[in-house]
Amino acid sequence: MFQSFRKSARERSAIAQVGDWTKARFNLSDQATVMVAEVNCQVPGCPPVETVIAFWTDPETRYRFKVFKPVAEVVEDDLPVSWLLPSLLDEDDLGCDCC
């Protein structure tokens, strides 16, 4: 039943790598919380698989962005440039579909 929740070594490595790239790109501390999740989208017109990245700079400030490909295919250049940080602010009060 829970087989679909198990990640391969390649997927776990890709998730860790995307998290590390995110910390470096946005100058986050090593202790910063970064969530990387691959999700299937059921909305018409949405890519079938996307990677959602969320991180916090403090307990009240969350940022979020998506890369429209599976996590194992994400490369460092897919991440937004650091000066876009203000536009990544997630003000949905945890009302997003990722967490």
PDB file of N, CA and C in Angstrom:
ATOM      1  N   MET A   1       0.815  -1.194   0.000  1.00  0.00           N
ATOM      2  CA  MET A   1       0.000   0.000   0.000  1.00  0.00           C
ATOM      3  C   MET A   1       0.860   1.259   0.000  1.00  0.00           C
ATOM      4  N   PHE A   2       1.934   1.291   0.778  1.00  0.00           N
ATOM      5  CA  PHE A   2       2.755   2.481   0.884  1.00  0.00           C
ATOM      6  C   PHE A   2       3.940   2.466  -0.069  1.00  0.00           C
ATOM      7  N   GLN A   3       3.961   1.546  -0.997  1.00  0.00           N
ATOM      8  CA  GLN A   3       5.053   1.448  -1.951  1.00  0.00           C
ATOM      9  C   GLN A   3       5.257   2.764  -2.699  1.00  0.00           C
ATOM     10  N   SER A   4       4.172   3.464  -3.050  1.00  0.00           N
ATOM     11  CA  SER A   4       4.296   4.696  -3.820  1.00  0.00           C
ATOM     12  C   SER A   4       4.953   5.826  -3.029  1.00  0.00           C
ATOM     13  N   PHE A   5       5.019   5.709  -1.715  1.00  0.00           N
ATOM     14  CA  PHE A   5       5.648   6.736  -0.889  1.00  0.00           C
ATOM     15  C   PHE A   5       7.147   6.524  -0.738  1.00  0.00           C
ATOM     16  N   ARG A   6       7.634   5.371  -1.120  1.00  0.00           N
ATOM     17  CA  ARG A   6       9.063   5.087  -1.006  1.00  0.00           C
ATOM     18  C   ARG A   6       9.802   5.751  -2.155  1.00  0.00           C
ATOM     19  N   LYS A   7      10.906   6.365  -1.825  1.00  0.00           N
ATOM     20  CA  LYS A   7      11.716   7.044  -2.825  1.00  0.00           C
ATOM     21  C   LYS A   7      12.951   6.219  -3.132  1.00  0.00           C
ATOM     22  N   SER A   8      13.347   6.246  -4.390  1.00  0.00           N
ATOM     23  CA  SER A   8      14.570   5.560  -4.779  1.00  0.00           C
ATOM     24  C   SER A   8      15.766   6.364  -4.276  1.00  0.00           C
ATOM     25  N   ALA A   9      16.926   5.753  -4.292  1.00  0.00           N
ATOM     26  CA  ALA A   9      18.146   6.449  -3.875  1.00  0.00           C
ATOM     27  C   ALA A   9      18.382   7.670  -4.764  1.00  0.00           C
ATOM     28  N   ARG A  10      18.080   7.533  -6.043  1.00  0.00           N
ATOM     29  CA  ARG A  10      18.249   8.663  -6.979  1.00  0.00           C
ATOM     30  C   ARG A  10      17.321   9.822  -6.604  1.00  0.00           C
ATOM     31  N   GLU A  11      16.066   9.520  -6.275  1.00  0.00           N
ATOM     32  CA  GLU A  11      15.111  10.563  -5.887  1.00  0.00           C
ATOM     33  C   GLU A  11      15.528  11.229  -4.572  1.00  0.00           C
ATOM     34  N   ARG A  12      15.964  10.432  -3.596  1.00  0.00           N
ATOM     35  CA  ARG A  12      16.409  11.002  -2.315  1.00  0.00           C
ATOM     36  C   ARG A  12      17.613  11.913  -2.520  1.00  0.00           C
ATOM     37  N   SER A  13      18.530  11.485  -3.372  1.00  0.00           N
ATOM     38  CA  SER A  13      19.705  12.294  -3.669  1.00  0.00           C
ATOM     39  C   SER A  13      19.307  13.595  -4.369  1.00  0.00           C
ATOM     40  N   ALA A  14      18.376  13.508  -5.319  1.00  0.00           N
ATOM     41  CA  ALA A  14      17.915  14.695  -6.037  1.00  0.00           C
ATOM     42  C   ALA A  14      17.219  15.674  -5.092  1.00  0.00           C
ATOM     43  N   ILE A  15      16.406  15.164  -4.187  1.00  0.00           N
ATOM     44  CA  ILE A  15      15.717  16.019  -3.210  1.00  0.00           C
ATOM     45  C   ILE A  15      16.735  16.754  -2.344  1.00  0.00           C
ATOM     46  N   ALA A  16      17.732  16.032  -1.857  1.00  0.00           N
ATOM     47  CA  ALA A  16      18.780  16.649  -1.028  1.00  0.00           C
ATOM     48  C   ALA A  16      19.554  17.700  -1.828  1.00  0.00           C
ATOM     49  N   GLN A  17      19.863  17.388  -3.082  1.00  0.00           N
ATOM     50  CA  GLN A  17      20.617  18.318  -3.918  1.00  0.00           C
ATOM     51  C   GLN A  17      19.832  19.602  -4.179  1.00  0.00           C
ATOM     52  N   VAL A  18      18.546  19.478  -4.490  1.00  0.00           N
ATOM     53  CA  VAL A  18      17.716  20.661  -4.719  1.00  0.00           C
ATOM     54  C   VAL A  18      17.627  21.501  -3.442  1.00  0.00           C
ATOM     55  N   GLY A  19      17.518  20.851  -2.302  1.00  0.00           N
ATOM     56  CA  GLY A  19      17.515  21.577  -1.030  1.00  0.00           C
ATOM     57  C   GLY A  19      18.815  22.329  -0.806  1.00  0.00           C
ATOM     58  N   ASP A  20      19.934  21.680  -1.090  1.00  0.00           N
ATOM     59  CA  ASP A  20      21.246  22.333  -0.936  1.00  0.00           C
ATOM     60  C   ASP A  20      21.394  23.511  -1.891  1.00  0.00           C
ATOM     61  N   TRP A  21      20.963  23.334  -3.142  1.00  0.00           N
ATOM     62  CA  TRP A  21      21.032  24.432  -4.113  1.00  0.00           C
ATOM     63  C   TRP A  21      20.179  25.610  -3.658  1.00  0.00           C
ATOM     64  N   THR A  22      19.004  25.309  -3.093  1.00  0.00           N
ATOM     65  CA  THR A  22      18.105  26.362  -2.625  1.00  0.00           C
ATOM     66  C   THR A  22      18.744  27.142  -1.484  1.00  0.00           C
ATOM     67  N   LYS A  23      19.350  26.425  -0.544  1.00  0.00           N
ATOM     68  CA  LYS A  23      20.029  27.103   0.572  1.00  0.00           C
ATOM     69  C   LYS A  23      21.141  27.997   0.069  1.00  0.00           C
ATOM     70  N   ALA A  24      21.923  27.505  -0.884  1.00  0.00           N
ATOM     71  CA  ALA A  24      23.022  28.303  -1.430  1.00  0.00           C
ATOM     72  C   ALA A  24      22.499  29.499  -2.221  1.00  0.00           C
ATOM     73  N   ARG A  25      21.507  29.274  -3.063  1.00  0.00           N
ATOM     74  CA  ARG A  25      20.983  30.337  -3.929  1.00  0.00           C
ATOM     75  C   ARG A  25      20.430  31.508  -3.126  1.00  0.00           C
ATOM     76  N   PHE A  26      19.717  31.193  -2.024  1.00  0.00           N
ATOM     77  CA  PHE A  26      19.061  32.240  -1.248  1.00  0.00           C
ATOM     78  C   PHE A  26      19.784  32.546   0.062  1.00  0.00           C
ATOM     79  N   ASN A  27      21.037  32.081   0.156  1.00  0.00           N
ATOM     80  CA  ASN A  27      21.896  32.383   1.302  1.00  0.00           C
ATOM     81  C   ASN A  27      21.222  32.006   2.632  1.00  0.00           C
ATOM     82  N   LEU A  28      20.663  30.805   2.682  1.00  0.00           N
ATOM     83  CA  LEU A  28      20.008  30.303   3.888  1.00  0.00           C
ATOM     84  C   LEU A  28      21.023  29.571   4.749  1.00  0.00           C
ATOM     85  N   SER A  29      20.770  29.531   6.030  1.00  0.00           N
ATOM     86  CA  SER A  29      21.671  28.809   6.933  1.00  0.00           C
ATOM     87  C   SER A  29      21.538  27.304   6.708  1.00  0.00           C
ATOM     88  N   ASP A  30      22.518  26.562   7.170  1.00  0.00           N
ATOM     89  CA  ASP A  30      22.463  25.103   7.061  1.00  0.00           C
ATOM     90  C   ASP A  30      21.286  24.527   7.841  1.00  0.00           C
ATOM     91  N   GLN A  31      20.838  25.244   8.869  1.00  0.00           N
ATOM     92  CA  GLN A  31      19.727  24.782   9.697  1.00  0.00           C
ATOM     93  C   GLN A  31      18.360  25.211   9.157  1.00  0.00           C
ATOM     94  N   ALA A  32      18.339  25.979   8.085  1.00  0.00           N
ATOM     95  CA  ALA A  32      17.069  26.448   7.521  1.00  0.00           C
ATOM     96  C   ALA A  32      16.234  25.250   7.050  1.00  0.00           C
ATOM     97  N   THR A  33      14.936  25.382   7.200  1.00  0.00           N
ATOM     98  CA  THR A  33      14.018  24.346   6.736  1.00  0.00           C
ATOM     99  C   THR A  33      13.703  24.574   5.268  1.00  0.00           C
ATOM    100  N   VAL A  34      14.002  23.577   4.456  1.00  0.00           N
ATOM    101  CA  VAL A  34      13.686  23.601   3.030  1.00  0.00           C
ATOM    102  C   VAL A  34      12.910  22.329   2.725  1.00  0.00           C
ATOM    103  N   MET A  35      11.732  22.488   2.142  1.00  0.00           N
ATOM    104  CA  MET A  35      10.911  21.338   1.779  1.00  0.00           C
ATOM    105  C   MET A  35      10.938  21.186   0.265  1.00  0.00           C
ATOM    106  N   VAL A  36      11.249  20.001  -0.198  1.00  0.00           N
ATOM    107  CA  VAL A  36      11.256  19.697  -1.627  1.00  0.00           C
ATOM    108  C   VAL A  36      10.305  18.521  -1.823  1.00  0.00           C
ATOM    109  N   ALA A  37       9.312  18.704  -2.691  1.00  0.00           N
ATOM    110  CA  ALA A  37       8.335  17.638  -2.918  1.00  0.00           C
ATOM    111  C   ALA A  37       7.999  17.543  -4.397  1.00  0.00           C
ATOM    112  N   GLU A  38       7.923  16.328  -4.878  1.00  0.00           N
ATOM    113  CA  GLU A  38       7.461  16.080  -6.240  1.00  0.00           C
ATOM    114  C   GLU A  38       5.981  15.742  -6.146  1.00  0.00           C
ATOM    115  N   VAL A  39       5.165  16.462  -6.907  1.00  0.00           N
ATOM    116  CA  VAL A  39       3.724  16.255  -6.821  1.00  0.00           C
ATOM    117  C   VAL A  39       3.147  16.026  -8.220  1.00  0.00           C
ATOM    118  N   ASN A  40       2.077  15.263  -8.250  1.00  0.00           N
ATOM    119  CA  ASN A  40       1.316  15.058  -9.479  1.00  0.00           C
ATOM    120  C   ASN A  40       0.200  16.080  -9.503  1.00  0.00           C
ATOM    121  N   CYS A  41       0.055  16.768 -10.601  1.00  0.00           N
ATOM    122  CA  CYS A  41      -0.972  17.794 -10.733  1.00  0.00           C
ATOM    123  C   CYS A  41      -2.158  17.225 -11.501  1.00  0.00           C
ATOM    124  N   GLN A  42      -3.348  17.428 -10.984  1.00  0.00           N
ATOM    125  CA  GLN A  42      -4.569  16.948 -11.617  1.00  0.00           C
ATOM    126  C   GLN A  42      -5.358  18.076 -12.278  1.00  0.00           C
ATOM    127  N   VAL A  43      -4.848  19.295 -12.231  1.00  0.00           N
ATOM    128  CA  VAL A  43      -5.538  20.441 -12.800  1.00  0.00           C
ATOM    129  C   VAL A  43      -5.326  20.448 -14.313  1.00  0.00           C
ATOM    130  N   PRO A  44      -6.374  20.587 -15.089  1.00  0.00           N
ATOM    131  CA  PRO A  44      -6.214  20.618 -16.543  1.00  0.00           C
ATOM    132  C   PRO A  44      -5.231  21.707 -16.977  1.00  0.00           C
ATOM    133  N   GLY A  45      -4.331  21.356 -17.883  1.00  0.00           N
ATOM    134  CA  GLY A  45      -3.347  22.298 -18.383  1.00  0.00           C
ATOM    135  C   GLY A  45      -2.086  22.384 -17.548  1.00  0.00           C
ATOM    136  N   CYS A  46      -2.094  21.772 -16.393  1.00  0.00           N
ATOM    137  CA  CYS A  46      -0.941  21.774 -15.493  1.00  0.00           C
ATOM    138  C   CYS A  46       0.013  20.651 -15.918  1.00  0.00           C
ATOM    139  N   PRO A  47       1.334  20.865 -15.812  1.00  0.00           N
ATOM    140  CA  PRO A  47       2.256  19.760 -16.107  1.00  0.00           C
ATOM    141  C   PRO A  47       1.926  18.563 -15.209  1.00  0.00           C
ATOM    142  N   PRO A  48       2.056  17.348 -15.719  1.00  0.00           N
ATOM    143  CA  PRO A  48       1.655  16.182 -14.931  1.00  0.00           C
ATOM    144  C   PRO A  48       2.480  15.984 -13.657  1.00  0.00           C
ATOM    145  N   VAL A  49       3.749  16.383 -13.675  1.00  0.00           N
ATOM    146  CA  VAL A  49       4.612  16.247 -12.498  1.00  0.00           C
ATOM    147  C   VAL A  49       5.369  17.554 -12.319  1.00  0.00           C
ATOM    148  N   GLU A  50       5.417  18.021 -11.081  1.00  0.00           N
ATOM    149  CA  GLU A  50       6.164  19.240 -10.787  1.00  0.00           C
ATOM    150  C   GLU A  50       6.874  19.094  -9.455  1.00  0.00           C
ATOM    151  N   THR A  51       7.921  19.867  -9.280  1.00  0.00           N
ATOM    152  CA  THR A  51       8.657  19.881  -8.025  1.00  0.00           C
ATOM    153  C   THR A  51       8.344  21.198  -7.320  1.00  0.00           C
ATOM    154  N   VAL A  52       7.904  21.099  -6.081  1.00  0.00           N
ATOM    155  CA  VAL A  52       7.563  22.276  -5.289  1.00  0.00           C
ATOM    156  C   VAL A  52       8.643  22.444  -4.227  1.00  0.00           C
ATOM    157  N   ILE A  53       9.169  23.651  -4.121  1.00  0.00           N
ATOM    158  CA  ILE A  53      10.195  23.961  -3.127  1.00  0.00           C
ATOM    159  C   ILE A  53       9.661  25.072  -2.238  1.00  0.00           C
ATOM    160  N   ALA A  54       9.690  24.843  -0.941  1.00  0.00           N
ATOM    161  CA  ALA A  54       9.265  25.846   0.031  1.00  0.00           C
ATOM    162  C   ALA A  54      10.352  25.976   1.084  1.00  0.00           C
ATOM    163  N   PHE A  55      10.546  27.191   1.569  1.00  0.00           N
ATOM    164  CA  PHE A  55      11.519  27.394   2.645  1.00  0.00           C
ATOM    165  C   PHE A  55      11.102  28.584   3.492  1.00  0.00           C
ATOM    166  N   TRP A  56      11.624  28.603   4.692  1.00  0.00           N
ATOM    167  CA  TRP A  56      11.298  29.633   5.664  1.00  0.00           C
ATOM    168  C   TRP A  56      12.564  30.404   6.017  1.00  0.00           C
ATOM    169  N   THR A  57      12.446  31.731   6.109  1.00  0.00           N
ATOM    170  CA  THR A  57      13.564  32.541   6.589  1.00  0.00           C
ATOM    171  C   THR A  57      13.389  32.858   8.066  1.00  0.00           C
ATOM    172  N   ASP A  58      12.180  32.700   8.562  1.00  0.00           N
ATOM    173  CA  ASP A  58      11.849  32.770   9.987  1.00  0.00           C
ATOM    174  C   ASP A  58      10.514  32.051  10.143  1.00  0.00           C
ATOM    175  N   PRO A  59      10.060  31.821  11.374  1.00  0.00           N
ATOM    176  CA  PRO A  59       8.839  31.026  11.550  1.00  0.00           C
ATOM    177  C   PRO A  59       7.596  31.593  10.855  1.00  0.00           C
ATOM    178  N   GLU A  60       7.574  32.866  10.560  1.00  0.00           N
ATOM    179  CA  GLU A  60       6.395  33.492   9.974  1.00  0.00           C
ATOM    180  C   GLU A  60       6.534  33.804   8.479  1.00  0.00           C
ATOM    181  N   THR A  61       7.691  33.566   7.899  1.00  0.00           N
ATOM    182  CA  THR A  61       7.928  33.985   6.519  1.00  0.00           C
ATOM    183  C   THR A  61       8.306  32.790   5.654  1.00  0.00           C
ATOM    184  N   ARG A  62       7.380  32.429   4.777  1.00  0.00           N
ATOM    185  CA  ARG A  62       7.592  31.279   3.909  1.00  0.00           C
ATOM    186  C   ARG A  62       7.666  31.736   2.452  1.00  0.00           C
ATOM    187  N   TYR A  63       8.552  31.080   1.724  1.00  0.00           N
ATOM    188  CA  TYR A  63       8.716  31.325   0.299  1.00  0.00           C
ATOM    189  C   TYR A  63       8.445  30.019  -0.429  1.00  0.00           C
ATOM    190  N   ARG A  64       7.959  30.128  -1.678  1.00  0.00           N
ATOM    191  CA  ARG A  64       7.617  28.918  -2.413  1.00  0.00           C
ATOM    192  C   ARG A  64       7.773  29.169  -3.907  1.00  0.00           C
ATOM    193  N   PHE A  65       8.252  28.144  -4.609  1.00  0.00           N
ATOM    194  CA  PHE A  65       8.287  28.185  -6.062  1.00  0.00           C
ATOM    195  C   PHE A  65       8.170  26.764  -6.596  1.00  0.00           C
ATOM    196  N   LYS A  66       7.871  26.664  -7.885  1.00  0.00           N
ATOM    197  CA  LYS A  66       7.704  25.365  -8.535  1.00  0.00           C
ATOM    198  C   LYS A  66       8.643  25.273  -9.726  1.00  0.00           C
ATOM    199  N   VAL A  67       9.066  24.055  -9.989  1.00  0.00           N
ATOM    200  CA  VAL A  67       9.801  23.726 -11.205  1.00  0.00           C
ATOM    201  C   VAL A  67       8.962  22.663 -11.895  1.00  0.00           C
ATOM    202  N   PHE A  68       8.616  22.897 -13.131  1.00  0.00           N
ATOM    203  CA  PHE A  68       7.659  22.035 -13.814  1.00  0.00           C
ATOM    204  C   PHE A  68       8.326  20.834 -14.474  1.00  0.00           C
ATOM    205  N   LYS A  69       8.950  20.026 -13.620  1.00  0.00           N
ATOM    206  CA  LYS A  69       9.561  18.770 -14.047  1.00  0.00           C
ATOM    207  C   LYS A  69       9.793  17.914 -12.809  1.00  0.00           C
ATOM    208  N   PRO A  70      10.014  16.612 -12.975  1.00  0.00           N
ATOM    209  CA  PRO A  70      10.297  15.741 -11.827  1.00  0.00           C
ATOM    210  C   PRO A  70      11.576  16.171 -11.115  1.00  0.00           C
ATOM    211  N   VAL A  71      11.641  15.920  -9.825  1.00  0.00           N
ATOM    212  CA  VAL A  71      12.782  16.358  -9.022  1.00  0.00           C
ATOM    213  C   VAL A  71      14.104  15.807  -9.545  1.00  0.00           C
ATOM    214  N   ALA A  72      14.106  14.603 -10.068  1.00  0.00           N
ATOM    215  CA  ALA A  72      15.351  14.004 -10.578  1.00  0.00           C
ATOM    216  C   ALA A  72      15.858  14.707 -11.832  1.00  0.00           C
ATOM    217  N   GLU A  73      15.026  15.508 -12.475  1.00  0.00           N
ATOM    218  CA  GLU A  73      15.428  16.235 -13.680  1.00  0.00           C
ATOM    219  C   GLU A  73      15.760  17.706 -13.404  1.00  0.00           C
ATOM    220  N   VAL A  74      15.546  18.167 -12.183  1.00  0.00           N
ATOM    221  CA  VAL A  74      15.823  19.564 -11.840  1.00  0.00           C
ATOM    222  C   VAL A  74      17.330  19.784 -11.824  1.00  0.00           C
ATOM    223  N   VAL A  75      17.756  20.903 -12.421  1.00  0.00           N
ATOM    224  CA  VAL A  75      19.157  21.309 -12.393  1.00  0.00           C
ATOM    225  C   VAL A  75      19.239  22.663 -11.700  1.00  0.00           C
ATOM    226  N   GLU A  76      20.416  23.016 -11.258  1.00  0.00           N
ATOM    227  CA  GLU A  76      20.589  24.245 -10.479  1.00  0.00           C
ATOM    228  C   GLU A  76      20.075  25.479 -11.216  1.00  0.00           C
ATOM    229  N   ASP A  77      20.246  25.527 -12.512  1.00  0.00           N
ATOM    230  CA  ASP A  77      19.779  26.683 -13.291  1.00  0.00           C
ATOM    231  C   ASP A  77      18.255  26.791 -13.354  1.00  0.00           C
ATOM    232  N   ASP A  78      17.522  25.757 -12.924  1.00  0.00           N
ATOM    233  CA  ASP A  78      16.061  25.832 -12.882  1.00  0.00           C
ATOM    234  C   ASP A  78      15.561  26.686 -11.721  1.00  0.00           C
ATOM    235  N   LEU A  79      16.402  26.900 -10.705  1.00  0.00           N
ATOM    236  CA  LEU A  79      15.994  27.700  -9.560  1.00  0.00           C
ATOM    237  C   LEU A  79      15.956  29.179  -9.929  1.00  0.00           C
ATOM    238  N   PRO A  80      15.023  29.936  -9.348  1.00  0.00           N
ATOM    239  CA  PRO A  80      14.964  31.371  -9.629  1.00  0.00           C
ATOM    240  C   PRO A  80      16.235  32.069  -9.146  1.00  0.00           C
ATOM    241  N   VAL A  81      16.563  33.174  -9.794  1.00  0.00           N
ATOM    242  CA  VAL A  81      17.712  33.960  -9.349  1.00  0.00           C
ATOM    243  C   VAL A  81      17.395  34.577  -7.988  1.00  0.00           C
ATOM    244  N   SER A  82      18.431  34.833  -7.206  1.00  0.00           N
ATOM    245  CA  SER A  82      18.235  35.266  -5.816  1.00  0.00           C
ATOM    246  C   SER A  82      17.480  36.582  -5.686  1.00  0.00           C
ATOM    247  N   TRP A  83      17.632  37.494  -6.657  1.00  0.00           N
ATOM    248  CA  TRP A  83      16.958  38.779  -6.524  1.00  0.00           C
ATOM    249  C   TRP A  83      15.451  38.679  -6.723  1.00  0.00           C
ATOM    250  N   LEU A  84      14.949  37.511  -7.114  1.00  0.00           N
ATOM    251  CA  LEU A  84      13.501  37.309  -7.200  1.00  0.00           C
ATOM    252  C   LEU A  84      12.872  36.905  -5.865  1.00  0.00           C
ATOM    253  N   LEU A  85      13.676  36.796  -4.819  1.00  0.00           N
ATOM    254  CA  LEU A  85      13.173  36.335  -3.519  1.00  0.00           C
ATOM    255  C   LEU A  85      11.875  37.027  -3.091  1.00  0.00           C
ATOM    256  N   PRO A  86      11.749  38.360  -3.161  1.00  0.00           N
ATOM    257  CA  PRO A  86      10.490  38.979  -2.724  1.00  0.00           C
ATOM    258  C   PRO A  86       9.259  38.471  -3.478  1.00  0.00           C
ATOM    259  N   SER A  87       9.413  38.104  -4.734  1.00  0.00           N
ATOM    260  CA  SER A  87       8.263  37.619  -5.502  1.00  0.00           C
ATOM    261  C   SER A  87       7.894  36.179  -5.154  1.00  0.00           C
ATOM    262  N   LEU A  88       8.761  35.485  -4.413  1.00  0.00           N
ATOM    263  CA  LEU A  88       8.495  34.100  -4.017  1.00  0.00           C
ATOM    264  C   LEU A  88       7.777  33.997  -2.680  1.00  0.00           C
ATOM    265  N   LEU A  89       7.554  35.133  -2.042  1.00  0.00           N
ATOM    266  CA  LEU A  89       6.871  35.149  -0.739  1.00  0.00           C
ATOM    267  C   LEU A  89       5.513  34.485  -0.876  1.00  0.00           C
ATOM    268  N   ASP A  90       5.237  33.533  -0.016  1.00  0.00           N
ATOM    269  CA  ASP A  90       3.980  32.782  -0.047  1.00  0.00           C
ATOM    270  C   ASP A  90       3.076  33.339   1.038  1.00  0.00           C
ATOM    271  N   GLU A  91       2.112  34.106   0.627  1.00  0.00           N
ATOM    272  CA  GLU A  91       1.210  34.753   1.582  1.00  0.00           C
ATOM    273  C   GLU A  91      -0.126  34.039   1.685  1.00  0.00           C
ATOM    274  N   ASP A  92      -0.183  32.780   1.261  1.00  0.00           N
ATOM    275  CA  ASP A  92      -1.426  32.024   1.252  1.00  0.00           C
ATOM    276  C   ASP A  92      -1.806  31.430   2.600  1.00  0.00           C
ATOM    277  N   ASP A  93      -1.068  31.756   3.647  1.00  0.00           N
ATOM    278  CA  ASP A  93      -1.370  31.208   4.981  1.00  0.00           C
ATOM    279  C   ASP A  93      -1.517  29.701   4.955  1.00  0.00           C
ATOM    280  N   LEU A  94      -0.533  29.047   4.366  1.00  0.00           N
ATOM    281  CA  LEU A  94      -0.521  27.591   4.244  1.00  0.00           C
ATOM    282  C   LEU A  94      -1.722  27.065   3.468  1.00  0.00           C
ATOM    283  N   GLY A  95      -2.294  27.890   2.612  1.00  0.00           N
ATOM    284  CA  GLY A  95      -3.429  27.472   1.817  1.00  0.00           C
ATOM    285  C   GLY A  95      -3.037  26.913   0.463  1.00  0.00           C
ATOM    286  N   CYS A  96      -1.755  26.661   0.264  1.00  0.00           N
ATOM    287  CA  CYS A  96      -1.321  26.137  -1.023  1.00  0.00           C
ATOM    288  C   CYS A  96      -1.578  24.638  -1.083  1.00  0.00           C
ATOM    289  N   ASP A  97      -1.382  24.084  -2.268  1.00  0.00           N
ATOM    290  CA  ASP A  97      -1.647  22.666  -2.454  1.00  0.00           C
ATOM    291  C   ASP A  97      -0.467  21.773  -2.099  1.00  0.00           C
ATOM    292  N   CYS A  98       0.655  22.392  -1.677  1.00  0.00           N
ATOM    293  CA  CYS A  98       1.855  21.582  -1.455  1.00  0.00           C
ATOM    294  C   CYS A  98       2.074  21.215   0.015  1.00  0.00           C
ATOM    295  N   CYS A  99       1.571  21.979   0.943  1.00  0.00           N
ATOM    296  CA  CYS A  99       1.836  21.683   2.366  1.00  0.00           C
ATOM    297  C   CYS A  99       0.852  22.362   3.270  1.00  0.00           C
TER     298      CYS A  99
END
